[in-house]
C-alpha atoms as a PDB file:
ATOM      1  CA  UNK A   1     246.289 220.657  73.319  1.00  0.00           C
ATOM      2  CA  UNK A   2     244.780 221.392  69.901  1.00  0.00           C
ATOM      3  CA  UNK A   3     245.160 224.923  68.620  1.00  0.00           C
ATOM      4  CA  UNK A   4     242.277 226.806  67.019  1.00  0.00           C
ATOM      5  CA  UNK A   5     243.221 229.185  64.230  1.00  0.00           C
ATOM      6  CA  UNK A   6     240.728 231.386  62.331  1.00  0.00           C
ATOM      7  CA  UNK A   7     240.794 232.223  58.655  1.00  0.00           C
ATOM      8  CA  UNK A   8     242.778 235.410  58.179  1.00  0.00           C
ATOM      9  CA  UNK A   9     240.730 236.514  55.190  1.00  0.00           C
ATOM     10  CA  UNK A  10     237.753 235.107  53.339  1.00  0.00           C
ATOM     11  CA  UNK A  11     238.202 233.332  50.074  1.00  0.00           C
ATOM     12  CA  UNK A  12     235.925 234.585  47.329  1.00  0.00           C
ATOM     13  CA  UNK A  13     235.679 232.995  43.911  1.00  0.00           C
ATOM     14  CA  UNK A  14     233.341 233.282  40.932  1.00  0.00           C
ATOM     15  CA  UNK A  15     234.465 230.133  39.107  1.00  0.00           C
ATOM     16  CA  UNK A  16     236.236 226.824  39.600  1.00  0.00           C
ATOM     17  CA  UNK A  17     239.929 226.592  38.827  1.00  0.00           C
ATOM     18  CA  UNK A  18     240.588 223.830  36.328  1.00  0.00           C
ATOM     19  CA  UNK A  19     244.323 223.184  36.513  1.00  0.00           C
ATOM     20  CA  UNK A  20     247.238 222.747  38.868  1.00  0.00           C
ATOM     21  CA  UNK A  21     248.486 226.184  37.795  1.00  0.00           C
ATOM     22  CA  UNK A  22     245.379 227.767  39.306  1.00  0.00           C
ATOM     23  CA  UNK A  23     245.804 225.603  42.395  1.00  0.00           C
ATOM     24  CA  UNK A  24     249.337 226.863  42.815  1.00  0.00           C
ATOM     25  CA  UNK A  25     248.101 230.429  42.378  1.00  0.00           C
ATOM     26  CA  UNK A  26     245.520 229.848  45.092  1.00  0.00           C
ATOM     27  CA  UNK A  27     248.197 228.527  47.408  1.00  0.00           C
ATOM     28  CA  UNK A  28     250.242 231.656  46.812  1.00  0.00           C
ATOM     29  CA  UNK A  29     247.308 234.036  47.228  1.00  0.00           C
ATOM     30  CA  UNK A  30     245.831 232.680  50.455  1.00  0.00           C
ATOM     31  CA  UNK A  31     247.281 233.608  53.841  1.00  0.00           C
ATOM     32  CA  UNK A  32     249.656 230.937  55.073  1.00  0.00           C
ATOM     33  CA  UNK A  33     248.562 229.029  58.156  1.00  0.00           C
ATOM     34  CA  UNK A  34     251.125 227.017  60.050  1.00  0.00           C
ATOM     35  CA  UNK A  35     249.535 223.904  61.538  1.00  0.00           C
ATOM     36  CA  UNK A  36     249.433 223.399  65.272  1.00  0.00           C
ATOM     37  CA  UNK A  37     251.378 220.359  66.430  1.00  0.00           C
ATOM     38  CA  UNK A  38     249.461 218.155  68.834  1.00  0.00           C
ATOM     39  CA  UNK A  39     251.767 215.166  69.265  1.00  0.00           C
ATOM     40  CA  UNK A  40     255.060 213.657  68.214  1.00  0.00           C
ATOM     41  CA  UNK A  41     258.574 214.980  68.080  1.00  0.00           C
ATOM     42  CA  UNK A  42     258.101 217.448  65.234  1.00  0.00           C
ATOM     43  CA  UNK A  43     260.181 217.804  62.115  1.00  0.00           C
ATOM     44  CA  UNK A  44     262.553 220.634  62.853  1.00  0.00           C
ATOM     45  CA  UNK A  45     266.211 219.866  62.237  1.00  0.00           C
ATOM     46  CA  UNK A  46     269.289 221.815  61.270  1.00  0.00           C
ATOM     47  CA  UNK A  47     269.884 222.007  57.559  1.00  0.00           C
ATOM     48  CA  UNK A  48     267.699 222.756  54.522  1.00  0.00           C
ATOM     49  CA  UNK A  49     263.984 222.102  54.606  1.00  0.00           C
ATOM     50  CA  UNK A  50     261.125 222.018  52.144  1.00  0.00           C
ATOM     51  CA  UNK A  51     257.514 223.115  52.401  1.00  0.00           C
ATOM     52  CA  UNK A  52     254.523 220.774  52.380  1.00  0.00           C
ATOM     53  CA  UNK A  53     251.410 222.635  51.211  1.00  0.00           C
ATOM     54  CA  UNK A  54     247.948 221.284  52.073  1.00  0.00           C
ATOM     55  CA  UNK A  55     245.072 223.295  50.596  1.00  0.00           C
ATOM     56  CA  UNK A  56     241.993 223.128  52.833  1.00  0.00           C
ATOM     57  CA  UNK A  57     239.679 225.713  51.250  1.00  0.00           C
ATOM     58  CA  UNK A  58     238.599 225.803  47.612  1.00  0.00           C
ATOM     59  CA  UNK A  59     236.042 227.607  45.438  1.00  0.00           C
ATOM     60  CA  UNK A  60     233.304 225.706  43.631  1.00  0.00           C
ATOM     61  CA  UNK A  61     232.081 226.204  40.063  1.00  0.00           C
ATOM     62  CA  UNK A  62     229.092 228.377  41.057  1.00  0.00           C
ATOM     63  CA  UNK A  63     230.746 230.778  43.494  1.00  0.00           C
ATOM     64  CA  UNK A  64     230.354 228.568  46.552  1.00  0.00           C
ATOM     65  CA  UNK A  65     233.259 227.872  48.920  1.00  0.00           C
ATOM     66  CA  UNK A  66     234.255 224.488  50.316  1.00  0.00           C
ATOM     67  CA  UNK A  67     236.467 223.914  53.332  1.00  0.00           C
ATOM     68  CA  UNK A  68     237.653 220.910  55.316  1.00  0.00           C
ATOM     69  CA  UNK A  69     236.699 221.111  58.979  1.00  0.00           C
ATOM     70  CA  UNK A  70     237.793 219.029  61.983  1.00  0.00           C
ATOM     71  CA  UNK A  71     240.843 218.078  59.940  1.00  0.00           C
ATOM     72  CA  UNK A  72     243.766 216.484  61.784  1.00  0.00           C
ATOM     73  CA  UNK A  73     246.806 215.364  59.780  1.00  0.00           C
ATOM     74  CA  UNK A  74     249.418 212.912  61.036  1.00  0.00           C
ATOM     75  CA  UNK A  75     252.644 213.794  59.205  1.00  0.00           C
ATOM     76  CA  UNK A  76     255.465 211.238  59.360  1.00  0.00           C
ATOM     77  CA  UNK A  77     258.798 212.538  58.100  1.00  0.00           C
ATOM     78  CA  UNK A  78     261.740 210.727  56.563  1.00  0.00           C
ATOM     79  CA  UNK A  79     263.344 210.202  59.982  1.00  0.00           C
ATOM     80  CA  UNK A  80     260.257 208.356  61.253  1.00  0.00           C
ATOM     81  CA  UNK A  81     258.947 211.048  63.598  1.00  0.00           C
ATOM     82  CA  UNK A  82     255.208 211.788  63.522  1.00  0.00           C
ATOM     83  CA  UNK A  83     253.494 215.074  64.311  1.00  0.00           C
ATOM     84  CA  UNK A  84     249.767 215.809  64.271  1.00  0.00           C
ATOM     85  CA  UNK A  85     248.712 219.116  62.742  1.00  0.00           C
ATOM     86  CA  UNK A  86     245.309 220.750  63.212  1.00  0.00           C
ATOM     87  CA  UNK A  87     243.975 222.101  59.921  1.00  0.00           C
ATOM     88  CA  UNK A  88     240.500 223.004  61.169  1.00  0.00           C
ATOM     89  CA  UNK A  89     238.983 226.074  59.544  1.00  0.00           C
ATOM     90  CA  UNK A  90     242.162 227.447  57.974  1.00  0.00           C
ATOM     91  CA  UNK A  91     242.576 227.965  54.214  1.00  0.00           C
ATOM     92  CA  UNK A  92     245.770 225.940  54.004  1.00  0.00           C
ATOM     93  CA  UNK A  93     248.627 224.446  55.955  1.00  0.00           C
ATOM     94  CA  UNK A  94     252.234 225.153  55.035  1.00  0.00           C
ATOM     95  CA  UNK A  95     254.582 222.874  56.943  1.00  0.00           C
ATOM     96  CA  UNK A  96     258.371 223.053  57.029  1.00  0.00           C
ATOM     97  CA  UNK A  97     259.767 219.504  56.770  1.00  0.00           C
ATOM     98  CA  UNK A  98     263.184 217.932  56.191  1.00  0.00           C
ATOM     99  CA  UNK A  99     263.908 216.516  52.723  1.00  0.00           C
ATOM    100  CA  UNK A 100     262.875 212.930  51.987  1.00  0.00           C
ATOM    101  CA  UNK A 101     259.725 210.841  51.746  1.00  0.00           C
ATOM    102  CA  UNK A 102     256.927 211.952  54.069  1.00  0.00           C
ATOM    103  CA  UNK A 103     253.512 210.428  54.752  1.00  0.00           C
ATOM    104  CA  UNK A 104     250.338 212.460  55.404  1.00  0.00           C
ATOM    105  CA  UNK A 105     247.345 210.758  57.030  1.00  0.00           C
ATOM    106  CA  UNK A 106     243.958 212.497  57.265  1.00  0.00           C
ATOM    107  CA  UNK A 107     242.467 211.222  60.520  1.00  0.00           C
ATOM    108  CA  UNK A 108     238.808 210.096  60.739  1.00  0.00           C
ATOM    109  CA  UNK A 109     236.302 212.678  61.919  1.00  0.00           C
ATOM    110  CA  UNK A 110     236.765 215.284  59.173  1.00  0.00           C
ATOM    111  CA  UNK A 111     233.787 217.163  57.728  1.00  0.00           C
ATOM    112  CA  UNK A 112     233.533 218.885  54.370  1.00  0.00           C
ATOM    113  CA  UNK A 113     231.567 222.130  54.581  1.00  0.00           C
ATOM    114  CA  UNK A 114     230.034 224.482  52.025  1.00  0.00           C
ATOM    115  CA  UNK A 115     229.346 228.218  52.079  1.00  0.00           C
ATOM    116  CA  UNK A 116     227.002 229.999  49.685  1.00  0.00           C
ATOM    117  CA  UNK A 117     227.356 233.462  51.251  1.00  0.00           C
ATOM    118  CA  UNK A 118     230.994 234.209  50.539  1.00  0.00           C
ATOM    119  CA  UNK A 119     232.333 232.412  53.616  1.00  0.00           C
ATOM    120  CA  UNK A 120     230.010 233.976  56.164  1.00  0.00           C
ATOM    121  CA  UNK A 121     228.484 230.658  57.193  1.00  0.00           C
ATOM    122  CA  UNK A 122     229.268 227.022  56.391  1.00  0.00           C
ATOM    123  CA  UNK A 123     227.085 223.911  56.382  1.00  0.00           C
ATOM    124  CA  UNK A 124     228.283 220.272  56.229  1.00  0.00           C
ATOM    125  CA  UNK A 125     227.855 218.342  52.975  1.00  0.00           C
ATOM    126  CA  UNK A 126     227.931 214.611  52.305  1.00  0.00           C
ATOM    127  CA  UNK A 127     231.279 213.609  50.793  1.00  0.00           C
ATOM    128  CA  UNK A 128     233.380 210.561  49.957  1.00  0.00           C
ATOM    129  CA  UNK A 129     237.161 210.593  50.218  1.00  0.00           C
ATOM    130  CA  UNK A 130     238.434 209.515  46.812  1.00  0.00           C
ATOM    131  CA  UNK A 131     242.209 209.677  47.171  1.00  0.00           C
ATOM    132  CA  UNK A 132     244.976 207.688  48.803  1.00  0.00           C
ATOM    133  CA  UNK A 133     245.096 208.016  52.587  1.00  0.00           C
ATOM    134  CA  UNK A 134     247.793 208.208  53.840  1.00  0.00           C
ATOM    135  CA  UNK A 135     249.358 210.108  50.972  1.00  0.00           C
ATOM    136  CA  UNK A 136     253.071 209.875  50.240  1.00  0.00           C
ATOM    137  CA  UNK A 137     255.070 212.924  49.175  1.00  0.00           C
ATOM    138  CA  UNK A 138     258.736 213.592  48.483  1.00  0.00           C
ATOM    139  CA  UNK A 139     259.916 216.734  50.241  1.00  0.00           C
ATOM    140  CA  UNK A 140     262.561 218.653  48.287  1.00  0.00           C
ATOM    141  CA  UNK A 141     264.963 221.109  49.907  1.00  0.00           C
ATOM    142  CA  UNK A 142     263.900 224.738  49.465  1.00  0.00           C
ATOM    143  CA  UNK A 143     260.877 223.757  47.329  1.00  0.00           C
ATOM    144  CA  UNK A 144     257.111 223.664  47.946  1.00  0.00           C
ATOM    145  CA  UNK A 145     255.467 220.255  47.553  1.00  0.00           C
ATOM    146  CA  UNK A 146     251.693 219.800  47.287  1.00  0.00           C
ATOM    147  CA  UNK A 147     249.597 217.060  48.876  1.00  0.00           C
ATOM    148  CA  UNK A 148     245.922 216.861  47.959  1.00  0.00           C
ATOM    149  CA  UNK A 149     242.957 215.010  49.369  1.00  0.00           C
ATOM    150  CA  UNK A 150     240.162 214.664  46.854  1.00  0.00           C
ATOM    151  CA  UNK A 151     236.481 214.426  47.701  1.00  0.00           C
ATOM    152  CA  UNK A 152     233.395 213.494  45.692  1.00  0.00           C
ATOM    153  CA  UNK A 153     230.035 215.038  46.519  1.00  0.00           C
ATOM    154  CA  UNK A 154     226.504 214.044  45.587  1.00  0.00           C
ATOM    155  CA  UNK A 155     224.610 217.298  45.308  1.00  0.00           C
ATOM    156  CA  UNK A 156     221.183 218.315  44.041  1.00  0.00           C
ATOM    157  CA  UNK A 157     222.714 219.636  40.823  1.00  0.00           C
ATOM    158  CA  UNK A 158     224.809 216.496  40.285  1.00  0.00           C
ATOM    159  CA  UNK A 159     228.224 215.288  41.272  1.00  0.00           C
ATOM    160  CA  UNK A 160     231.066 217.648  42.009  1.00  0.00           C
ATOM    161  CA  UNK A 161     234.630 216.707  42.779  1.00  0.00           C
ATOM    162  CA  UNK A 162     236.437 218.818  45.344  1.00  0.00           C
ATOM    163  CA  UNK A 163     240.169 218.315  45.294  1.00  0.00           C
ATOM    164  CA  UNK A 164     241.694 220.467  48.007  1.00  0.00           C
ATOM    165  CA  UNK A 165     244.416 221.848  45.796  1.00  0.00           C
ATOM    166  CA  UNK A 166     242.720 221.265  42.421  1.00  0.00           C
ATOM    167  CA  UNK A 167     239.078 221.406  41.276  1.00  0.00           C
ATOM    168  CA  UNK A 168     237.984 219.333  38.263  1.00  0.00           C
ATOM    169  CA  UNK A 169     234.876 217.814  36.720  1.00  0.00           C
ATOM    170  CA  UNK A 170     233.938 214.307  37.884  1.00  0.00           C
ATOM    171  CA  UNK A 171     232.577 211.360  35.920  1.00  0.00           C
ATOM    172  CA  UNK A 172     230.542 208.292  36.786  1.00  0.00           C
ATOM    173  CA  UNK A 173     230.056 204.685  35.717  1.00  0.00           C
ATOM    174  CA  UNK A 174     226.763 203.588  37.224  1.00  0.00           C
ATOM    175  CA  UNK A 175     223.771 201.307  36.906  1.00  0.00           C
ATOM    176  CA  UNK A 176     222.543 197.870  37.901  1.00  0.00           C
ATOM    177  CA  UNK A 177     224.786 195.238  39.502  1.00  0.00           C
ATOM    178  CA  UNK A 178     223.220 191.804  38.981  1.00  0.00           C
ATOM    179  CA  UNK A 179     224.868 188.762  40.576  1.00  0.00           C
ATOM    180  CA  UNK A 180     224.683 185.348  38.895  1.00  0.00           C
ATOM    181  CA  UNK A 181     227.196 183.376  40.989  1.00  0.00           C
ATOM    182  CA  UNK A 182     229.205 183.984  44.159  1.00  0.00           C
ATOM    183  CA  UNK A 183     231.421 181.952  46.468  1.00  0.00           C
ATOM    184  CA  UNK A 184     233.397 182.221  49.692  1.00  0.00           C
ATOM    185  CA  UNK A 185     232.203 184.849  52.145  1.00  0.00           C
ATOM    186  CA  UNK A 186     230.184 186.401  49.295  1.00  0.00           C
ATOM    187  CA  UNK A 187     228.168 183.239  48.534  1.00  0.00           C
ATOM    188  CA  UNK A 188     224.892 184.671  49.867  1.00  0.00           C
ATOM    189  CA  UNK A 189     224.897 187.283  47.106  1.00  0.00           C
ATOM    190  CA  UNK A 190     223.709 184.615  44.674  1.00  0.00           C
ATOM    191  CA  UNK A 191     220.460 184.226  46.611  1.00  0.00           C
ATOM    192  CA  UNK A 192     217.456 185.783  44.900  1.00  0.00           C
ATOM    193  CA  UNK A 193     216.846 188.272  47.718  1.00  0.00           C
ATOM    194  CA  UNK A 194     220.405 189.646  47.543  1.00  0.00           C
ATOM    195  CA  UNK A 195     221.491 189.472  43.937  1.00  0.00           C
ATOM    196  CA  UNK A 196     220.094 192.726  42.528  1.00  0.00           C
ATOM    197  CA  UNK A 197     221.527 196.096  43.547  1.00  0.00           C
ATOM    198  CA  UNK A 198     222.866 199.325  42.094  1.00  0.00           C
ATOM    199  CA  UNK A 199     226.404 200.638  41.957  1.00  0.00           C
ATOM    200  CA  UNK A 200     228.320 203.790  41.073  1.00  0.00           C
ATOM    201  CA  UNK A 201     232.008 204.440  40.519  1.00  0.00           C
ATOM    202  CA  UNK A 202     232.849 208.136  40.733  1.00  0.00           C
ATOM    203  CA  UNK A 203     236.133 209.295  39.257  1.00  0.00           C
ATOM    204  CA  UNK A 204     238.119 212.228  37.932  1.00  0.00           C
ATOM    205  CA  UNK A 205     239.609 211.468  34.535  1.00  0.00           C
ATOM    206  CA  UNK A 206     243.397 211.205  34.470  1.00  0.00           C
ATOM    207  CA  UNK A 207     243.762 210.592  30.727  1.00  0.00           C
ATOM    208  CA  UNK A 208     241.740 209.853  27.583  1.00  0.00           C
ATOM    209  CA  UNK A 209     243.562 208.406  24.575  1.00  0.00           C
ATOM    210  CA  UNK A 210     242.525 207.599  21.002  1.00  0.00           C
ATOM    211  CA  UNK A 211     244.050 204.395  19.617  1.00  0.00           C
ATOM    212  CA  UNK A 212     243.624 202.787  16.178  1.00  0.00           C
ATOM    213  CA  UNK A 213     244.221 199.024  16.047  1.00  0.00           C
ATOM    214  CA  UNK A 214     245.646 197.108  13.079  1.00  0.00           C
ATOM    215  CA  UNK A 215     242.196 195.865  12.058  1.00  0.00           C
ATOM    216  CA  UNK A 216     240.850 199.433  11.922  1.00  0.00           C
ATOM    217  CA  UNK A 217     239.116 199.388  15.302  1.00  0.00           C
ATOM    218  CA  UNK A 218     239.083 202.864  16.808  1.00  0.00           C
ATOM    219  CA  UNK A 219     239.283 202.922  20.587  1.00  0.00           C
ATOM    220  CA  UNK A 220     238.735 205.639  23.147  1.00  0.00           C
ATOM    221  CA  UNK A 221     240.645 204.603  26.292  1.00  0.00           C
ATOM    222  CA  UNK A 222     239.722 206.238  29.616  1.00  0.00           C
ATOM    223  CA  UNK A 223     241.958 206.065  32.688  1.00  0.00           C
ATOM    224  CA  UNK A 224     241.587 207.390  36.231  1.00  0.00           C
ATOM    225  CA  UNK A 225     243.681 206.738  39.297  1.00  0.00           C
ATOM    226  CA  UNK A 226     244.443 208.472  42.562  1.00  0.00           C
ATOM    227  CA  UNK A 227     248.029 209.651  42.586  1.00  0.00           C
ATOM    228  CA  UNK A 228     247.885 211.071  46.097  1.00  0.00           C
ATOM    229  CA  UNK A 229     250.692 213.453  46.985  1.00  0.00           C
ATOM    230  CA  UNK A 230     253.202 214.889  44.586  1.00  0.00           C
ATOM    231  CA  UNK A 231     256.853 213.928  44.380  1.00  0.00           C
ATOM    232  CA  UNK A 232     258.131 217.380  43.520  1.00  0.00           C
ATOM    233  CA  UNK A 233     257.068 221.025  43.327  1.00  0.00           C
ATOM    234  CA  UNK A 234     254.274 220.389  40.788  1.00  0.00           C
ATOM    235  CA  UNK A 235     250.894 219.424  42.299  1.00  0.00           C
ATOM    236  CA  UNK A 236     249.715 215.896  41.408  1.00  0.00           C
ATOM    237  CA  UNK A 237     247.320 215.255  38.545  1.00  0.00           C
ATOM    238  CA  UNK A 238     243.803 214.847  39.988  1.00  0.00           C
ATOM    239  CA  UNK A 239     242.310 211.401  39.720  1.00  0.00           C
ATOM    240  CA  UNK A 240     239.969 210.657  42.598  1.00  0.00           C
ATOM    241  CA  UNK A 241     238.151 207.306  42.594  1.00  0.00           C
ATOM    242  CA  UNK A 242     235.312 206.296  44.921  1.00  0.00           C
ATOM    243  CA  UNK A 243     232.751 203.494  44.722  1.00  0.00           C
ATOM    244  CA  UNK A 244     229.308 202.959  46.232  1.00  0.00           C
ATOM    245  CA  UNK A 245     226.790 200.097  46.236  1.00  0.00           C
ATOM    246  CA  UNK A 246     223.115 200.759  46.911  1.00  0.00           C
ATOM    247  CA  UNK A 247     220.298 198.446  48.059  1.00  0.00           C
ATOM    248  CA  UNK A 248     222.896 195.991  49.349  1.00  0.00           C
ATOM    249  CA  UNK A 249     220.969 193.863  51.862  1.00  0.00           C
ATOM    250  CA  UNK A 250     224.078 192.035  53.092  1.00  0.00           C
ATOM    251  CA  UNK A 251     226.298 195.102  53.393  1.00  0.00           C
ATOM    252  CA  UNK A 252     229.632 193.577  52.356  1.00  0.00           C
ATOM    253  CA  UNK A 253     229.781 195.248  48.949  1.00  0.00           C
ATOM    254  CA  UNK A 254     228.521 198.567  50.311  1.00  0.00           C
ATOM    255  CA  UNK A 255     230.957 198.354  53.233  1.00  0.00           C
ATOM    256  CA  UNK A 256     234.443 196.796  52.978  1.00  0.00           C
ATOM    257  CA  UNK A 257     234.398 196.203  49.200  1.00  0.00           C
ATOM    258  CA  UNK A 258     233.473 199.819  48.428  1.00  0.00           C
ATOM    259  CA  UNK A 259     236.092 201.016  50.922  1.00  0.00           C
ATOM    260  CA  UNK A 260     238.711 198.821  49.257  1.00  0.00           C
ATOM    261  CA  UNK A 261     237.923 200.352  45.841  1.00  0.00           C
ATOM    262  CA  UNK A 262     238.347 203.930  47.118  1.00  0.00           C
ATOM    263  CA  UNK A 263     241.446 205.649  45.734  1.00  0.00           C
ATOM    264  CA  UNK A 264     241.884 202.767  43.273  1.00  0.00           C
ATOM    265  CA  UNK A 265     241.943 202.909  39.496  1.00  0.00           C
ATOM    266  CA  UNK A 266     239.415 202.889  36.653  1.00  0.00           C
ATOM    267  CA  UNK A 267     240.217 201.941  33.070  1.00  0.00           C
ATOM    268  CA  UNK A 268     237.708 201.316  30.300  1.00  0.00           C
ATOM    269  CA  UNK A 269     237.693 201.248  26.526  1.00  0.00           C
ATOM    270  CA  UNK A 270     234.937 202.222  24.093  1.00  0.00           C
ATOM    271  CA  UNK A 271     235.673 200.709  20.699  1.00  0.00           C
ATOM    272  CA  UNK A 272     234.157 201.228  17.242  1.00  0.00           C
ATOM    273  CA  UNK A 273     234.808 198.074  15.206  1.00  0.00           C
ATOM    274  CA  UNK A 274     235.050 197.776  11.407  1.00  0.00           C
ATOM    275  CA  UNK A 275     231.588 196.152  11.303  1.00  0.00           C
ATOM    276  CA  UNK A 276     230.184 199.313  12.981  1.00  0.00           C
ATOM    277  CA  UNK A 277     229.468 197.607  16.329  1.00  0.00           C
ATOM    278  CA  UNK A 278     230.480 199.539  19.430  1.00  0.00           C
ATOM    279  CA  UNK A 279     231.684 197.741  22.563  1.00  0.00           C
ATOM    280  CA  UNK A 280     232.816 198.635  26.077  1.00  0.00           C
ATOM    281  CA  UNK A 281     235.252 196.793  28.349  1.00  0.00           C
ATOM    282  CA  UNK A 282     237.362 197.701  31.344  1.00  0.00           C
ATOM    283  CA  UNK A 283     238.195 197.313  35.003  1.00  0.00           C
ATOM    284  CA  UNK A 284     237.893 198.897  38.439  1.00  0.00           C
ATOM    285  CA  UNK A 285     240.758 197.914  40.737  1.00  0.00           C
ATOM    286  CA  UNK A 286     241.247 198.611  44.434  1.00  0.00           C
ATOM    287  CA  UNK A 287     243.613 197.341  47.084  1.00  0.00           C
ATOM    288  CA  UNK A 288     242.535 193.686  46.924  1.00  0.00           C
ATOM    289  CA  UNK A 289     239.369 193.936  44.810  1.00  0.00           C
ATOM    290  CA  UNK A 290     239.323 193.677  41.023  1.00  0.00           C
ATOM    291  CA  UNK A 291     236.194 194.120  38.898  1.00  0.00           C
ATOM    292  CA  UNK A 292     236.785 193.172  35.258  1.00  0.00           C
ATOM    293  CA  UNK A 293     234.044 193.650  32.674  1.00  0.00           C
ATOM    294  CA  UNK A 294     234.408 191.827  29.386  1.00  0.00           C
ATOM    295  CA  UNK A 295     233.825 193.400  25.964  1.00  0.00           C
ATOM    296  CA  UNK A 296     230.083 193.824  25.444  1.00  0.00           C
ATOM    297  CA  UNK A 297     227.980 195.693  22.889  1.00  0.00           C
ATOM    298  CA  UNK A 298     226.681 199.142  23.777  1.00  0.00           C
ATOM    299  CA  UNK A 299     223.219 198.335  22.614  1.00  0.00           C
ATOM    300  CA  UNK A 300     220.646 200.601  24.288  1.00  0.00           C
ATOM    301  CA  UNK A 301     222.129 204.081  23.889  1.00  0.00           C
ATOM    302  CA  UNK A 302     225.378 203.912  21.885  1.00  0.00           C
ATOM    303  CA  UNK A 303     227.713 206.901  21.772  1.00  0.00           C
ATOM    304  CA  UNK A 304     227.758 209.037  18.667  1.00  0.00           C
ATOM    305  CA  UNK A 305     230.731 208.670  16.326  1.00  0.00           C
ATOM    306  CA  UNK A 306     232.826 211.669  15.374  1.00  0.00           C
ATOM    307  CA  UNK A 307     234.095 212.633  11.947  1.00  0.00           C
ATOM    308  CA  UNK A 308     237.413 210.966  12.822  1.00  0.00           C
ATOM    309  CA  UNK A 309     235.657 207.628  13.346  1.00  0.00           C
ATOM    310  CA  UNK A 310     236.232 207.549  17.108  1.00  0.00           C
ATOM    311  CA  UNK A 311     233.365 207.341  19.614  1.00  0.00           C
ATOM    312  CA  UNK A 312     232.453 210.711  21.065  1.00  0.00           C
ATOM    313  CA  UNK A 313     232.934 211.329  24.774  1.00  0.00           C
ATOM    314  CA  UNK A 314     229.230 211.250  25.623  1.00  0.00           C
ATOM    315  CA  UNK A 315     226.665 209.329  27.646  1.00  0.00           C
ATOM    316  CA  UNK A 316     226.101 205.684  26.674  1.00  0.00           C
ATOM    317  CA  UNK A 317     224.134 202.756  28.091  1.00  0.00           C
ATOM    318  CA  UNK A 318     224.922 199.048  27.703  1.00  0.00           C
ATOM    319  CA  UNK A 319     222.307 196.821  29.318  1.00  0.00           C
ATOM    320  CA  UNK A 320     224.240 193.542  29.777  1.00  0.00           C
ATOM    321  CA  UNK A 321     227.983 193.791  30.390  1.00  0.00           C
ATOM    322  CA  UNK A 322     229.459 190.578  31.903  1.00  0.00           C
ATOM    323  CA  UNK A 323     231.732 191.112  34.897  1.00  0.00           C
ATOM    324  CA  UNK A 324     233.887 189.108  37.308  1.00  0.00           C
ATOM    325  CA  UNK A 325     234.760 190.532  40.718  1.00  0.00           C
ATOM    326  CA  UNK A 326     237.579 188.915  42.694  1.00  0.00           C
ATOM    327  CA  UNK A 327     238.489 189.839  46.262  1.00  0.00           C
ATOM    328  CA  UNK A 328     239.828 188.284  49.443  1.00  0.00           C
ATOM    329  CA  UNK A 329     236.185 187.558  50.387  1.00  0.00           C
ATOM    330  CA  UNK A 330     235.457 185.505  47.271  1.00  0.00           C
ATOM    331  CA  UNK A 331     234.484 185.754  43.612  1.00  0.00           C
ATOM    332  CA  UNK A 332     231.281 187.194  42.129  1.00  0.00           C
ATOM    333  CA  UNK A 333     230.133 186.990  38.521  1.00  0.00           C
ATOM    334  CA  UNK A 334     227.189 188.584  36.807  1.00  0.00           C
ATOM    335  CA  UNK A 335     226.437 191.505  34.540  1.00  0.00           C
ATOM    336  CA  UNK A 336     226.239 195.277  34.748  1.00  0.00           C
ATOM    337  CA  UNK A 337     223.655 197.621  33.328  1.00  0.00           C
ATOM    338  CA  UNK A 338     226.375 200.124  32.582  1.00  0.00           C
ATOM    339  CA  UNK A 339     225.873 203.840  32.030  1.00  0.00           C
ATOM    340  CA  UNK A 340     228.665 206.294  31.292  1.00  0.00           C
ATOM    341  CA  UNK A 341     227.715 209.654  32.811  1.00  0.00           C
ATOM    342  CA  UNK A 342     229.864 212.594  31.723  1.00  0.00           C
ATOM    343  CA  UNK A 343     229.935 216.096  33.220  1.00  0.00           C
ATOM    344  CA  UNK A 344     227.680 218.763  31.811  1.00  0.00           C
ATOM    345  CA  UNK A 345     229.477 221.179  29.463  1.00  0.00           C
END
């Protein structure tokens, strides 16, 4: 039987928390909700235990509240036992587990909901899961450990990343996806009726580095990846990744390929060369799918260059970026009409 627990008190927020410190503060401030076990042998054993914290309610940047509804979590502990916990409509789950590696699976059927009246009513919103599922965590004796599931939303006011545990600003690489050649199970994408579509890769930035090469080239290197659960008492660095293909008449890219890229990694480099040309190159990598785009000039809307000689972290548009996509279904080549879309200040 699945238990139904109500929120003990409403969560009110006037701004989005931007760091794991704020996430930890939220976890401490909210009433603790122990999940209801629905199957399995449980994880109670004599000896020291640790706490697994799953945040399920978070504030948005404009005072709204987001919560995960119809959320069932299969938690497998170090001894191999699995228990299902019901996290529906509670602010967070705090589970007592034995030390060791644990796995947390968010079952299908979840819904992300939004409230604009302080938690009085909630409405479902369209969301993509952008983190590893199941998520692995290391439970430490007598310590809290955080597991987060990160979601990307497409809202009227733009994209917003909801990381249940951390809230950050999302980014996007998007534009045209034009196929020139394809083989294997993807061969039909080279047909004229199927070769033109649009794509978007949504991500939360993990790191941005400035690197100067020996020849004087100044590079801005962007990296994003989904870390999943933490392996200690500090919540993981956010880094959700999700991909979408639009106007895909065949459905393979929009379906299994996009799913394979979810919770993957994004890495791209914007480089200012000594001859003043600016190029972009990078990759998007999933479980068995790898999209590599070769260095190409940013020719339509180049980024501005700062006083330090590095490209500024701003919107840019390159109209013909060659790419090669390899997957278990085949290989696709072509070019991207690549736009870098950064969050509003």
